[in-house]
Structure formats: C-alpha cells, structure tokens
Amino acid sequence: MGVELKNDYPGFRLTVATERTVSLILRSAGLQHKELSVYLVTDEKITQINREWLGRSRPTNVISFGQPAQLITDLLGDVVISVDTARKEAEEAGISLENRLLALMAHGLVHLMGYDHEGPGADTAAFEKKEKELLKKVKGEKSMADLCINVDHVATIREARGGVEPDPVAAAVLVELAGADGIVVHLREDRRHIKDRDVKLLRQTVQTRLTLEMAATEEMIKIATEIRPDIVTLVPEKREELTTEGGLDVAALEHEITRAVGRLHDASIPVSLFVDPEREQVEASKRTGAECIEIHTGRYAEAATPEKEDKEFEQIAEMAALAADLGMQVHAGHGLNYQNTARLAAIAEIAEFSIGHSVVSRAVLVGMEQAVKEMLSLVKKGRIV
C-alpha cells in the first residue's frame, strides 16, 4: 500500500515535502491503506492524455483515472498533473508551486473518492466541501519530520583521552544554534561516554527538547525521574556491544516494559520504545502504554544490495503506518547518514529522526553547525543545499 510518485517533467526536482504530502493526503482522507499513483508531466503530455481519453485537445491541470467499480482492488487509481499548468496557476495566484501541486493532488483524490463537480449528476458544493476539508487536515499536519542530534560520540572522543574536551554540553549548544529540533543522549550502565554530569547540565541548558535513551533498569528510572527529560526512549543494552545492536524485545518483555513505562508516566515523562520494524513489536509497544516508538533502522542502513534496502524500506514504511494507525507517534534512527536518510524522510508517518554518529563524524571535518545544517537539509528537503 502507499503512493507511487512518478516525475516525468524534465528538470523538475521532487522534494521530500512533495512525497510526504501525497502520503499525508491519503492518510487525511482515511485511505492510507490504498494505493495511489501520481504522475507529474508536461502540458504536452497531459494534452495527449486529455485528447486520447477525454476527447479534449488542450492542456489541463489535473486528470484522475479511477478503477472500475466492479473491480475489488486496493488501487484507488491514477492522478496526472501538469507541472506547466500548475506553475502558471501558482504564479497567477501568488502562491508557491508546492502549494498548488498540493491542491491539485487533493483535487484529483476527491475525484477518485467518488465526488464530481462537472458532468451529469455533479454536486459541485459537495465536491468543494470535501476538497476544503481534506486540504485543511493536510495543512494542519506537521509536514516535515524533526531532526534530533545524538551527541554521545562527542563524549566518546572526550573519553578517548580521559580529559574534559570536547564537551557534549557545548556541542549541544552548537547543535541547537544550527537549527536542530532536539538533543539526544544515551546514559549507559557502564558510563562509557555520556556521564551523569552531562545529563544534568544538558537538562539545565537545552532549549529545544532533551531525549534520554536508557535501559529499563531501576537505576535509570530513578535518574530519569530526578532529571525529568522531555522524553525517555527505552533501549536494550549489552555491556559488550559497541552500539545498540537491535530493538527492544517488547513482545517478550511486555510485563517489565509496561511497569517501567508506568513508573515514568507517574513522573509525567513521555516514553518511546526503540523497536525493530516488526508487527509483534509495534503492537506490543502499544499495549505497554508508551506514546511513541522509535523504529530501529539498522537493517535498512546496513543493506548490502539495492533489493535488500528496498525490502527493509518497505518494512519500515509499513510498520510506521501501523504505529500511526494505533495512535502512536513514530520516530526513527540508527545507522542513518548523509546517503540514506532522505529516502526515509519521505515517509509521512515518521515525525522525528535521531541521528548521531554520522553527524559527529562529519563535524570533525566541517564543524558541528555545518554538519547539522547539512543533515537538516536532507531531512527537510531531501538534498544538501
């Protein structure tokens, strides 16, 4: 299920915002489990389609092709949009091309939902009402994902020499100045990088929001209830691992995790669970009472072939949609870098990315602010600008 967005317009660059918007339109219409194809074409191409299928030898802004009523299928149909005409209309209306494309996508979808504003039996008022309702819902959604930066590995560099620099607290200031939406730290049982002192100072200085990653242990729950981060992400933890190797097995540890979630809620701390993109883990996460999941993106990030990456991407997209259907917020992270993040940013259900190692590595070469701005550009626009 989902959206196939095909760009046949020479020189036109699809943005992450455009891709997310199509998914948001489907979700806002309650049709997130259906398939929709959207084709962006030239005036010349849409004139050809208009002539062949509708007998009109002229360009138009949008044409919809629904499935025959007798066919039982998950495919809604096709929406074809002329970028040439959309650009002209945007200029005349004094709006952005992005907003005009949004309106035309919604217009096309309303046609596929069975409404009509022209021809025999048309109900223009009902069509326009539905179109306005859909656009209002879409514009009310948060269109782009947030980016939170994990500064653990700034502390890793500090601990390599056992000194006091670089300071992850100072790094967090630069991260926020660069425009990131939050700071993430993982306070491990062995304190291999982030220390208690760091978390306490970050709680006093972070101006955006502070996410504390931690194991669901008595010690960590006590620390969290004292420090009160903006959100806690419960993660699995092994002493011998270099980094978190997989998601939390919530399905097997549901009773223990539910208890930990309850204790954190008693302290008015929202909870996210770091899980693999698997149905049983997502459904178990919902049962614990956690508000959010963070999808472990490691298998996607480490995929050895394009085919494997495609498979893992589809699994992440499916589980993100499932979590959203269950009323949970969706975050994502682990192994994401400057090459593989933009594709995931197009998944409308992902509200936040947590990225650390690649940004800190890049910062060593170009500086923290530049490294964060480049990743922000990928998450918000799909490319470094």
Protein backbone atom coordinates (compact mmCIF):
# COMPACT_ATOMS: atom_id res chain seq x y z
CA MET A 1 0.00 0.00 0.00
CA GLY A 2 1.12 3.59 -0.48
CA VAL A 3 1.99 6.13 -3.14
CA GLU A 4 3.85 5.82 -6.40
CA LEU A 5 5.07 9.29 -7.27
CA LYS A 6 6.47 9.44 -10.78
CA ASN A 7 8.14 12.54 -12.16
CA ASP A 8 8.15 12.77 -15.96
CA TYR A 9 8.77 16.52 -16.05
CA PRO A 10 12.29 17.34 -17.31
CA GLY A 11 14.35 19.38 -14.87
CA PHE A 12 11.77 19.30 -12.09
CA ARG A 13 13.14 18.08 -8.77
CA LEU A 14 10.78 16.29 -6.43
CA THR A 15 11.26 17.31 -2.82
CA VAL A 16 10.81 15.24 0.32
CA ALA A 17 7.95 17.60 1.20
CA THR A 18 6.11 16.67 -2.00
CA GLU A 19 6.46 12.96 -1.33
CA ARG A 20 5.35 13.28 2.29
CA THR A 21 2.42 15.46 1.25
CA VAL A 22 0.94 12.78 -1.02
CA SER A 23 1.04 10.29 1.84
CA LEU A 24 -0.48 12.86 4.19
CA ILE A 25 -3.33 13.44 1.74
CA LEU A 26 -4.12 9.73 1.69
CA ARG A 27 -3.95 9.47 5.48
CA SER A 28 -6.09 12.57 5.95
CA ALA A 29 -8.72 11.00 3.69
CA GLY A 30 -8.62 7.76 5.70
CA LEU A 31 -7.23 5.93 2.68
CA GLN A 32 -3.70 5.22 3.91
CA HIS A 33 -4.07 1.51 3.13
CA LYS A 34 -4.88 2.16 -0.51
CA GLU A 35 -2.52 2.59 -3.45
CA LEU A 36 -2.34 5.82 -5.43
CA SER A 37 -0.24 6.70 -8.44
CA VAL A 38 0.62 10.36 -9.05
CA TYR A 39 2.31 11.36 -12.30
CA LEU A 40 3.88 14.79 -12.86
CA VAL A 41 4.04 15.62 -16.58
CA THR A 42 4.34 18.45 -19.10
CA ASP A 43 1.50 20.33 -20.81
CA GLU A 44 2.32 18.42 -23.98
CA LYS A 45 1.91 15.05 -22.27
CA ILE A 46 -1.31 15.93 -20.42
CA THR A 47 -2.77 17.30 -23.69
CA GLN A 48 -2.04 13.94 -25.30
CA ILE A 49 -3.74 12.13 -22.41
CA ASN A 50 -6.67 14.56 -22.46
CA ARG A 51 -7.17 14.02 -26.20
CA GLU A 52 -6.86 10.24 -26.05
CA TRP A 53 -9.11 9.61 -23.05
CA LEU A 54 -11.46 12.60 -22.84
CA GLY A 55 -11.56 13.92 -26.40
CA ARG A 56 -10.24 17.36 -25.44
CA SER A 57 -7.26 18.72 -27.38
CA ARG A 58 -5.93 21.08 -24.73
CA PRO A 59 -3.79 21.04 -21.62
CA THR A 60 -5.41 20.95 -18.20
CA ASN A 61 -4.10 21.00 -14.66
CA VAL A 62 -5.14 17.55 -13.39
CA ILE A 63 -6.83 14.39 -14.64
CA SER A 64 -7.94 11.44 -12.47
CA PHE A 65 -8.44 7.86 -13.58
CA GLY A 66 -10.29 5.68 -11.09
CA GLN A 67 -10.65 1.91 -11.04
CA PRO A 68 -13.84 0.34 -12.47
CA ALA A 69 -16.42 -0.09 -9.70
CA GLN A 70 -16.69 -3.83 -10.28
CA LEU A 71 -13.02 -4.41 -9.53
CA ILE A 72 -12.17 -5.28 -5.93
CA THR A 73 -8.73 -3.80 -5.52
CA ASP A 74 -6.62 -1.69 -3.17
CA LEU A 75 -5.62 0.55 -6.07
CA LEU A 76 -7.51 3.86 -5.97
CA GLY A 77 -6.33 4.98 -9.37
CA ASP A 78 -4.06 7.49 -11.07
CA VAL A 79 -3.75 11.26 -10.76
CA VAL A 80 -1.93 13.04 -13.59
CA ILE A 81 -0.80 16.63 -13.00
CA SER A 82 0.73 19.09 -15.46
CA VAL A 83 3.60 20.93 -13.81
CA ASP A 84 3.48 23.54 -16.60
CA THR A 85 -0.15 24.44 -15.87
CA ALA A 86 0.33 24.18 -12.12
CA ARG A 87 3.24 26.63 -12.31
CA LYS A 88 1.18 29.14 -14.33
CA GLU A 89 -1.71 28.89 -11.88
CA ALA A 90 0.62 29.28 -8.91
CA GLU A 91 2.14 32.43 -10.38
CA GLU A 92 -1.31 33.90 -11.11
CA ALA A 93 -2.48 33.15 -7.57
CA GLY A 94 0.74 34.35 -5.95
CA ILE A 95 1.38 31.03 -4.21
CA SER A 96 4.23 28.51 -4.33
CA LEU A 97 4.29 25.71 -6.87
CA GLU A 98 4.47 23.28 -3.93
CA ASN A 99 1.14 24.57 -2.57
CA ARG A 100 -0.51 24.44 -5.99
CA LEU A 101 0.62 20.86 -6.51
CA LEU A 102 -0.79 20.02 -3.06
CA ALA A 103 -4.18 21.46 -4.06
CA LEU A 104 -4.20 19.57 -7.35
CA MET A 105 -3.28 16.28 -5.67
CA ALA A 106 -6.16 16.77 -3.24
CA HIS A 107 -8.49 17.70 -6.13
CA GLY A 108 -7.55 14.55 -8.01
CA LEU A 109 -8.03 12.36 -4.95
CA VAL A 110 -11.50 13.79 -4.26
CA HIS A 111 -12.45 12.69 -7.79
CA LEU A 112 -11.18 9.18 -7.01
CA MET A 113 -13.26 9.17 -3.83
CA GLY A 114 -16.39 9.36 -5.99
CA TYR A 115 -17.14 13.08 -5.91
CA ASP A 116 -17.73 15.07 -9.09
CA HIS A 117 -18.05 18.77 -9.90
CA GLU A 118 -18.78 18.51 -13.62
CA GLY A 119 -20.98 16.42 -15.83
CA PRO A 120 -24.40 14.81 -15.24
CA GLY A 121 -25.31 14.41 -11.59
CA ALA A 122 -22.39 16.54 -10.42
CA ASP A 123 -22.57 18.03 -6.93
CA THR A 124 -20.15 20.93 -7.02
CA ALA A 125 -20.88 22.05 -3.46
CA ALA A 126 -20.21 18.58 -2.01
CA PHE A 127 -17.02 18.28 -4.06
CA GLU A 128 -15.67 21.63 -2.93
CA LYS A 129 -16.60 20.95 0.69
CA LYS A 130 -14.72 17.64 0.66
CA GLU A 131 -11.73 19.23 -1.06
CA LYS A 132 -11.54 22.02 1.54
CA GLU A 133 -11.87 19.54 4.42
CA LEU A 134 -9.02 17.45 3.02
CA LEU A 135 -6.71 20.42 2.47
CA LYS A 136 -7.45 21.76 5.95
CA LYS A 137 -6.50 18.41 7.50
CA VAL A 138 -3.31 18.13 5.47
CA LYS A 139 -2.18 21.67 6.25
CA GLY A 140 -2.91 21.04 9.92
CA GLU A 141 -0.46 18.16 9.96
CA LYS A 142 3.21 18.70 10.69
CA SER A 143 4.55 18.46 7.17
CA MET A 144 8.20 17.65 7.85
CA ALA A 145 9.97 15.47 10.37
CA ASP A 146 12.06 16.86 13.20
CA LEU A 147 15.78 16.19 13.49
CA CYS A 148 17.29 15.45 16.90
CA ILE A 149 21.04 15.03 17.20
CA ASN A 150 22.65 12.43 19.45
CA VAL A 151 25.85 13.88 20.95
CA ASP A 152 27.07 10.64 22.56
CA HIS A 153 30.08 10.38 20.29
CA VAL A 154 31.32 13.83 21.20
CA ALA A 155 31.68 12.28 24.66
CA THR A 156 33.30 9.20 23.08
CA ILE A 157 36.08 11.44 21.73
CA ARG A 158 36.44 13.05 25.16
CA GLU A 159 36.75 9.66 26.86
CA ALA A 160 39.43 8.51 24.39
CA ARG A 161 41.90 10.75 26.28
CA GLY A 162 40.14 10.81 29.62
CA GLY A 163 40.04 14.59 29.68
CA VAL A 164 37.33 17.21 29.63
CA GLU A 165 37.09 18.03 25.93
CA PRO A 166 35.28 18.04 23.65
CA ASP A 167 32.31 18.69 25.91
CA PRO A 168 28.96 17.22 24.72
CA VAL A 169 27.16 20.04 26.54
CA ALA A 170 29.00 22.64 24.45
CA ALA A 171 28.30 20.55 21.34
CA ALA A 172 24.58 20.57 22.17
CA VAL A 173 24.61 24.38 22.17
CA LEU A 174 26.06 24.39 18.64
CA VAL A 175 23.55 21.77 17.52
CA GLU A 176 20.67 23.96 18.67
CA LEU A 177 22.17 27.08 17.10
CA ALA A 178 22.33 25.19 13.80
CA GLY A 179 18.56 24.65 13.94
CA ALA A 180 18.12 21.08 15.18
CA ASP A 181 14.89 20.25 16.98
CA GLY A 182 16.38 18.44 19.95
CA ILE A 183 19.29 16.74 21.70
CA VAL A 184 19.61 13.02 22.39
CA VAL A 185 21.96 11.25 24.83
CA HIS A 186 22.24 7.63 25.93
CA LEU A 187 23.26 7.20 29.55
CA ARG A 188 24.65 3.68 29.63
CA GLU A 189 25.09 1.47 32.64
CA ASP A 190 28.88 1.44 32.15
CA ARG A 191 29.02 5.24 31.50
CA ARG A 192 31.31 4.65 28.54
CA HIS A 193 30.62 8.07 27.03
CA ILE A 194 27.82 10.22 28.47
CA LYS A 195 28.15 10.78 32.22
CA ASP A 196 25.61 11.73 34.85
CA ARG A 197 27.15 15.21 34.94
CA ASP A 198 26.46 15.63 31.21
CA VAL A 199 22.79 14.73 31.53
CA LYS A 200 22.28 17.08 34.48
CA LEU A 201 23.92 20.00 32.68
CA LEU A 202 22.04 19.27 29.46
CA ARG A 203 18.75 19.33 31.34
CA GLN A 204 19.66 22.82 32.57
CA THR A 205 20.85 24.16 29.21
CA VAL A 206 18.92 22.51 26.36
CA GLN A 207 16.41 24.97 24.94
CA THR A 208 14.66 22.66 22.43
CA ARG A 209 13.97 19.22 23.94
CA LEU A 210 16.08 16.57 25.60
CA THR A 211 15.66 12.87 24.89
CA LEU A 212 17.26 10.45 27.34
CA GLU A 213 17.95 6.99 25.98
CA MET A 214 18.34 4.38 28.70
CA ALA A 215 17.76 0.79 29.73
CA ALA A 216 14.63 -0.03 31.73
CA THR A 217 16.56 -0.58 34.95
CA GLU A 218 15.83 0.59 38.48
CA GLU A 219 18.91 2.82 38.47
CA MET A 220 17.99 4.53 35.19
CA ILE A 221 14.34 5.02 36.06
CA LYS A 222 15.41 6.73 39.28
CA ILE A 223 17.80 9.03 37.37
CA ALA A 224 15.13 9.87 34.78
CA THR A 225 12.54 10.76 37.41
CA GLU A 226 15.05 13.09 39.07
CA ILE A 227 16.30 14.78 35.88
CA ARG A 228 12.96 14.79 34.01
CA PRO A 229 13.97 14.79 30.34
CA ASP A 230 11.32 15.78 27.82
CA ILE A 231 11.02 12.15 26.72
CA VAL A 232 12.68 8.85 27.60
CA THR A 233 13.49 6.25 24.96
CA LEU A 234 13.85 2.77 26.42
CA VAL A 235 16.52 0.75 24.62
CA PRO A 236 18.16 -2.66 25.04
CA GLU A 237 21.67 -2.62 26.40
CA LYS A 238 24.57 -5.09 26.42
CA ARG A 239 27.89 -4.28 28.04
CA GLU A 240 29.98 -5.83 25.25
CA GLU A 241 28.25 -4.13 22.29
CA LEU A 242 29.89 -1.19 20.51
CA THR A 243 26.49 0.37 19.84
CA THR A 244 22.89 -0.73 20.26
CA GLU A 245 22.61 -3.85 18.11
CA GLY A 246 18.86 -4.25 17.81
CA GLY A 247 15.49 -3.17 19.02
CA LEU A 248 13.96 -3.79 22.42
CA ASP A 249 12.12 -7.14 22.54
CA VAL A 250 8.93 -5.64 23.89
CA ALA A 251 6.88 -8.70 22.94
CA ALA A 252 8.99 -10.93 25.22
CA LEU A 253 9.41 -8.35 27.99
CA GLU A 254 5.98 -6.77 27.87
CA HIS A 255 5.27 -7.02 31.60
CA GLU A 256 8.59 -5.47 32.61
CA ILE A 257 8.41 -2.74 29.98
CA THR A 258 4.81 -1.90 30.89
CA ARG A 259 5.89 -1.48 34.51
CA ALA A 260 8.78 0.81 33.51
CA VAL A 261 6.50 2.87 31.26
CA GLY A 262 4.04 3.24 34.11
CA ARG A 263 6.68 4.46 36.53
CA LEU A 264 7.95 7.04 34.04
CA HIS A 265 4.39 8.18 33.39
CA ASP A 266 3.93 8.60 37.13
CA ALA A 267 6.72 11.19 36.87
CA SER A 268 4.93 12.81 33.88
CA ILE A 269 7.64 11.68 31.44
CA PRO A 270 6.51 10.53 27.96
CA VAL A 271 8.03 7.26 26.75
CA SER A 272 9.26 5.95 23.42
CA LEU A 273 10.31 2.34 22.81
CA PHE A 274 13.20 1.55 20.46
CA VAL A 275 11.98 -1.43 18.43
CA ASP A 276 12.70 -3.35 15.26
CA PRO A 277 10.19 -2.75 12.45
CA GLU A 278 8.17 -5.88 13.23
CA ARG A 279 4.40 -6.12 13.74
CA GLU A 280 4.56 -8.00 17.04
CA GLN A 281 6.93 -5.41 18.50
CA VAL A 282 4.81 -2.46 17.39
CA GLU A 283 1.60 -4.00 18.70
CA ALA A 284 3.24 -4.95 22.00
CA SER A 285 4.59 -1.40 22.31
CA LYS A 286 1.08 -0.04 22.06
CA ARG A 287 -0.08 -2.36 24.84
CA THR A 288 2.58 -1.06 27.24
CA GLY A 289 1.03 2.40 27.18
CA ALA A 290 4.04 4.08 25.55
CA GLU A 291 3.15 7.09 23.43
CA CYS A 292 5.81 6.53 20.81
CA ILE A 293 8.08 4.04 19.08
CA GLU A 294 11.47 4.70 17.57
CA ILE A 295 12.00 2.34 14.66
CA HIS A 296 15.44 0.73 14.59
CA THR A 297 16.67 1.46 11.06
CA GLY A 298 19.85 -0.60 11.27
CA ARG A 299 18.87 -3.32 8.80
CA TYR A 300 17.91 -0.67 6.24
CA ALA A 301 21.13 1.29 6.81
CA GLU A 302 23.30 -1.79 6.52
CA ALA A 303 21.58 -3.34 3.49
CA ALA A 304 24.18 -4.83 1.15
CA THR A 305 22.12 -4.59 -2.05
CA PRO A 306 19.51 -2.22 -3.50
CA GLU A 307 16.99 -5.06 -3.36
CA LYS A 308 17.64 -5.61 0.34
CA GLU A 309 17.39 -1.87 1.01
CA ASP A 310 14.06 -1.72 -0.83
CA LYS A 311 12.73 -4.61 1.25
CA GLU A 312 13.80 -3.01 4.53
CA PHE A 313 12.45 0.38 3.45
CA GLU A 314 9.03 -1.12 2.74
CA GLN A 315 9.05 -2.86 6.12
CA ILE A 316 9.83 0.41 7.91
CA ALA A 317 7.11 2.25 5.96
CA GLU A 318 4.55 -0.46 6.76
CA MET A 319 5.35 -0.53 10.48
CA ALA A 320 5.38 3.28 10.68
CA ALA A 321 1.87 3.28 9.18
CA LEU A 322 0.76 0.58 11.63
CA ALA A 323 2.04 2.55 14.63
CA ALA A 324 0.32 5.70 13.37
CA ASP A 325 -2.92 3.76 12.93
CA LEU A 326 -2.59 2.63 16.55
CA GLY A 327 -2.32 6.25 17.65
CA MET A 328 1.41 6.23 18.37
CA GLN A 329 3.99 8.80 17.30
CA VAL A 330 6.79 7.41 15.16
CA HIS A 331 10.49 8.24 15.39
CA ALA A 332 13.36 6.54 13.56
CA GLY A 333 17.09 6.15 13.97
CA HIS A 334 20.26 4.03 13.95
CA GLY A 335 22.87 3.91 11.23
CA LEU A 336 21.36 6.83 9.30
CA ASN A 337 23.77 9.03 7.38
CA TYR A 338 24.04 11.58 4.59
CA GLN A 339 23.37 8.95 1.93
CA ASN A 340 20.37 7.02 3.26
CA THR A 341 18.29 9.44 5.34
CA ALA A 342 16.42 11.40 2.64
CA ARG A 343 14.55 8.32 1.42
CA LEU A 344 13.14 7.63 4.88
CA ALA A 345 12.29 11.32 5.33
CA ALA A 346 9.62 10.87 2.65
CA ILE A 347 7.62 8.54 4.94
CA ALA A 348 4.92 10.83 6.26
CA GLU A 349 4.34 8.91 9.50
CA ILE A 350 7.91 9.43 10.73
CA ALA A 351 7.76 12.54 12.88
CA GLU A 352 11.35 12.61 14.13
CA PHE A 353 14.81 11.31 13.26
CA SER A 354 17.50 10.65 15.83
CA ILE A 355 20.94 10.78 14.21
CA GLY A 356 24.31 10.91 15.90
CA HIS A 357 27.43 9.13 14.66
CA SER A 358 27.35 10.35 11.06
CA VAL A 359 26.76 13.97 12.12
CA VAL A 360 29.55 13.92 14.72
CA SER A 361 31.87 12.28 12.16
CA ARG A 362 31.03 14.97 9.63
CA ALA A 363 31.51 17.65 12.27
CA VAL A 364 35.13 16.57 12.74
CA LEU A 365 35.72 17.72 9.14
CA VAL A 366 33.37 20.68 8.62
CA GLY A 367 32.31 21.79 12.10
CA MET A 368 29.22 20.95 14.12
CA GLU A 369 26.96 23.70 12.85
CA GLN A 370 27.68 22.92 9.20
CA ALA A 371 27.25 19.17 9.76
CA VAL A 372 23.86 19.69 11.43
CA LYS A 373 22.68 22.13 8.75
CA GLU A 374 23.56 19.63 6.03
CA MET A 375 21.58 16.86 7.74
CA LEU A 376 18.67 19.24 8.35
CA SER A 377 18.66 20.00 4.65
CA LEU A 378 18.40 16.28 3.84
CA VAL A 379 15.56 15.69 6.30
CA LYS A 380 13.60 18.79 5.29
CA LYS A 381 14.37 19.00 1.55
CA GLY A 382 15.84 15.67 0.51
CA ARG A 383 19.17 17.12 -0.57
CA ILE A 384 22.06 19.16 0.79
CA VAL A 385 21.71 22.81 -0.16
